[in-house]
Amino acid sequence: MFGHELVVSKEVTRHVKEYKCQHCDFQMTTNGKGKLTPLTPKYKEINSVLEQIYTKRRLRKASNIILDR
């Protein structure tokens, strides 16, 4: 973590984000406990599935709000 300048590169959900170092392209993400962890292929897949679920849920909720009006 020392020497890295992490910025948010992708917001998966409100609580899960992916980070990238501006200098060396080192990538990290938040794990299930909210701690930063290296972005491995396993975490990339988890974040991808999580993003799909989150997006579907948001769209369904938004369409329910529109239909209720």
Protein backbone atom coordinates (compact mmCIF):
# COMPACT_ATOMS: atom_id res chain seq x y z
CA MET A 1 0.00 0.00 0.00
CA PHE A 2 2.90 2.35 0.62
CA GLY A 3 3.78 4.43 -2.41
CA HIS A 4 0.54 3.73 -4.24
CA GLU A 5 -1.83 6.54 -5.10
CA LEU A 6 -5.16 4.72 -5.40
CA VAL A 7 -8.14 6.29 -7.14
CA VAL A 8 -11.56 4.77 -7.77
CA SER A 9 -11.55 3.18 -11.21
CA LYS A 10 -14.96 1.49 -11.04
CA GLU A 11 -17.92 1.66 -8.69
CA VAL A 12 -19.35 -1.88 -8.55
CA THR A 13 -22.00 -1.05 -5.91
CA ARG A 14 -22.40 1.70 -3.35
CA HIS A 15 -20.11 -0.24 -1.01
CA VAL A 16 -17.79 -2.12 -3.37
CA LYS A 17 -15.33 -0.22 -5.52
CA GLU A 18 -12.30 -1.05 -7.60
CA TYR A 19 -9.19 1.09 -7.22
CA LYS A 20 -6.17 1.63 -9.45
CA CYS A 21 -2.81 3.19 -8.66
CA GLN A 22 -2.14 6.24 -10.80
CA HIS A 23 1.56 5.41 -11.05
CA CYS A 24 1.90 1.65 -11.54
CA ASP A 25 -1.62 0.39 -12.49
CA PHE A 26 -1.76 -1.81 -9.35
CA GLN A 27 -5.43 -2.71 -8.76
CA MET A 28 -7.30 -3.31 -5.52
CA THR A 29 -10.90 -3.83 -4.49
CA THR A 30 -12.90 -4.02 -1.29
CA ASN A 31 -13.58 -7.50 0.02
CA GLY A 32 -16.61 -8.80 1.93
CA LYS A 33 -15.37 -7.23 5.15
CA GLY A 34 -14.78 -3.81 3.59
CA LYS A 35 -10.99 -4.10 3.58
CA LEU A 36 -8.80 -3.42 0.56
CA THR A 37 -7.47 -6.52 -1.17
CA PRO A 38 -5.57 -7.07 -4.44
CA LEU A 39 -7.87 -7.41 -7.46
CA THR A 40 -7.28 -11.03 -8.49
CA PRO A 41 -9.19 -12.82 -11.28
CA LYS A 42 -11.40 -14.36 -8.56
CA TYR A 43 -12.36 -10.91 -7.23
CA LYS A 44 -12.87 -9.59 -10.78
CA GLU A 45 -15.42 -12.35 -11.39
CA ILE A 46 -17.10 -11.75 -8.02
CA ASN A 47 -17.35 -8.02 -8.72
CA SER A 48 -18.74 -8.66 -12.20
CA VAL A 49 -21.52 -10.92 -10.90
CA LEU A 50 -22.20 -8.54 -8.01
CA GLU A 51 -22.50 -5.62 -10.42
CA GLN A 52 -24.99 -7.54 -12.60
CA ILE A 53 -27.17 -8.40 -9.61
CA TYR A 54 -26.98 -4.84 -8.27
CA THR A 55 -27.88 -3.33 -11.65
CA LYS A 56 -30.86 -5.66 -12.17
CA ARG A 57 -32.13 -4.91 -8.68
CA ARG A 58 -31.81 -1.14 -9.20
CA LEU A 59 -33.65 -1.32 -12.55
CA ARG A 60 -36.42 -3.45 -11.08
CA LYS A 61 -36.82 -1.07 -8.16
CA ALA A 62 -36.87 1.96 -10.48
CA SER A 63 -39.51 0.40 -12.74
CA ASN A 64 -41.68 -0.42 -9.70
CA ILE A 65 -41.51 3.19 -8.56
CA ILE A 66 -42.54 4.41 -12.02
CA LEU A 67 -45.42 1.90 -12.23
CA ASP A 68 -46.69 2.87 -8.76
CA ARG A 69 -47.20 6.50 -9.77
